Amino acid sequence: MTGSADLPHPDRSEITLTGVLFALSDPDRLDIARQLVDGPLDMAACHLSDPTIPKSTKSHLMKVLREAGVIRNDPQGRGRRLTLRDDDLNALFPGVLDAVLGAARVVPEARV
């Protein structure tokens, strides 16, 4: 793993499909990844669907995504910048990221 201001990020060769899918299996982590599709965000600007979630939980969500290789979490001034590692993920698992993030946008129809 390579470090980035004391936060380790896996090298591309260390990213596994099962790790990525696990990281994206949680609705809040999936929502964070979806927010990063259009480009990097300051960590403070990245929001969760439930504003009452403690900062410690938000930090844990980011840690799981970072350790799985889904995002980068790099220092920027006094804050942190989040970036989706779509280049790495698409090189390793073509189409998976688009399929998972796209499926998250589909709202299931109510069953009768």
Protein backbone atom coordinates (compact mmCIF):
# COMPACT_ATOMS: atom_id res chain seq x y z
CA MET A 1 0.00 0.00 0.00
CA THR A 2 1.15 3.49 -0.73
CA GLY A 3 0.62 6.18 1.85
CA SER A 4 -1.00 9.56 1.48
CA ALA A 5 -0.51 11.78 4.54
CA ASP A 6 -0.77 8.77 6.85
CA LEU A 7 -3.82 7.25 5.13
CA PRO A 8 -2.84 4.12 3.20
CA HIS A 9 -4.39 3.45 -0.19
CA PRO A 10 -4.08 0.07 -1.90
CA ASP A 11 -2.06 -0.09 -5.09
CA ARG A 12 -4.06 -1.04 -8.17
CA SER A 13 -2.70 -4.58 -7.97
CA GLU A 14 -4.06 -4.95 -4.41
CA ILE A 15 -7.67 -4.07 -5.26
CA THR A 16 -10.00 -7.08 -5.33
CA LEU A 17 -13.46 -7.43 -6.83
CA THR A 18 -14.84 -8.87 -3.60
CA GLY A 19 -13.45 -5.94 -1.61
CA VAL A 20 -14.95 -3.40 -4.01
CA LEU A 21 -18.34 -5.12 -4.04
CA PHE A 22 -18.35 -5.37 -0.24
CA ALA A 23 -17.51 -1.67 0.09
CA LEU A 24 -20.33 -0.74 -2.29
CA SER A 25 -22.84 -3.11 -0.64
CA ASP A 26 -23.72 -0.58 2.07
CA PRO A 27 -26.29 2.05 0.96
CA ASP A 28 -24.41 4.94 2.59
CA ARG A 29 -21.06 3.93 1.08
CA LEU A 30 -22.73 3.44 -2.29
CA ASP A 31 -24.25 6.92 -2.02
CA ILE A 32 -20.81 8.40 -1.29
CA ALA A 33 -19.36 6.70 -4.39
CA ARG A 34 -22.26 7.99 -6.51
CA GLN A 35 -21.56 11.55 -5.33
CA LEU A 36 -17.99 11.23 -6.63
CA VAL A 37 -18.92 10.11 -10.15
CA ASP A 38 -18.91 13.68 -11.46
CA GLY A 39 -15.55 14.50 -9.89
CA PRO A 40 -13.71 15.01 -6.62
CA LEU A 41 -15.39 16.53 -3.57
CA ASP A 42 -14.16 17.98 -0.33
CA MET A 43 -14.92 15.49 2.42
CA ALA A 44 -16.96 18.16 4.22
CA ALA A 45 -19.16 18.61 1.11
CA CYS A 46 -19.87 14.89 0.82
CA HIS A 47 -23.18 14.31 2.56
CA LEU A 48 -25.04 11.28 3.80
CA SER A 49 -28.75 10.71 3.35
CA ASP A 50 -29.18 10.78 7.15
CA PRO A 51 -27.69 14.01 8.58
CA THR A 52 -27.85 12.62 12.13
CA ILE A 53 -25.14 10.02 11.42
CA PRO A 54 -22.14 10.79 13.66
CA LYS A 55 -18.86 12.00 12.15
CA SER A 56 -17.18 8.84 13.42
CA THR A 57 -19.56 6.71 11.35
CA LYS A 58 -18.98 8.89 8.28
CA SER A 59 -15.22 8.48 8.78
CA HIS A 60 -15.64 4.71 9.01
CA LEU A 61 -17.65 4.66 5.77
CA MET A 62 -14.83 6.58 4.06
CA LYS A 63 -12.23 4.22 5.52
CA VAL A 64 -13.97 1.12 4.14
CA LEU A 65 -14.21 2.71 0.68
CA ARG A 66 -10.56 3.83 0.80
CA GLU A 67 -9.21 0.49 2.00
CA ALA A 68 -11.16 -1.34 -0.72
CA GLY A 69 -9.64 0.93 -3.37
CA VAL A 70 -12.91 2.59 -4.34
CA ILE A 71 -11.87 6.13 -3.36
CA ARG A 72 -8.78 8.18 -2.63
CA ASN A 73 -8.83 10.38 0.46
CA ASP A 74 -6.04 12.94 0.11
CA PRO A 75 -5.14 16.00 2.16
CA GLN A 76 -6.03 19.36 0.67
CA GLY A 77 -5.23 22.33 2.85
CA ARG A 78 -6.96 21.86 6.20
CA GLY A 79 -9.47 19.41 4.76
CA ARG A 80 -9.50 16.24 2.71
CA ARG A 81 -10.36 15.63 -0.93
CA LEU A 82 -12.28 12.51 -1.99
CA THR A 83 -11.84 11.06 -5.46
CA LEU A 84 -13.45 8.00 -7.04
CA ARG A 85 -10.75 5.64 -8.35
CA ASP A 86 -12.71 4.96 -11.51
CA ASP A 87 -9.61 4.64 -13.72
CA ASP A 88 -8.20 1.86 -11.54
CA LEU A 89 -11.55 0.14 -11.08
CA ASN A 90 -12.44 0.26 -14.78
CA ALA A 91 -9.01 -1.08 -15.73
CA LEU A 92 -9.36 -3.99 -13.30
CA PHE A 93 -13.08 -4.72 -13.61
CA PRO A 94 -14.43 -3.19 -16.85
CA GLY A 95 -18.06 -2.15 -16.58
CA VAL A 96 -18.55 -3.23 -12.96
CA LEU A 97 -18.43 0.25 -11.46
CA ASP A 98 -20.89 1.64 -14.02
CA ALA A 99 -23.21 -1.32 -13.49
CA VAL A 100 -23.21 -1.06 -9.70
CA LEU A 101 -23.51 2.72 -9.56
CA GLY A 102 -26.09 2.74 -12.35
CA ALA A 103 -28.18 0.09 -10.66
CA ALA A 104 -28.21 2.19 -7.51
CA ARG A 105 -30.00 4.93 -9.41
CA VAL A 106 -32.84 2.64 -10.40
CA VAL A 107 -35.72 2.81 -7.96
CA PRO A 108 -37.44 -0.56 -7.68
CA GLU A 109 -41.13 -0.57 -8.56
CA ALA A 110 -43.57 -1.41 -5.83
CA ARG A 111 -44.72 -5.03 -5.95
CA VAL A 112 -48.39 -5.79 -5.70
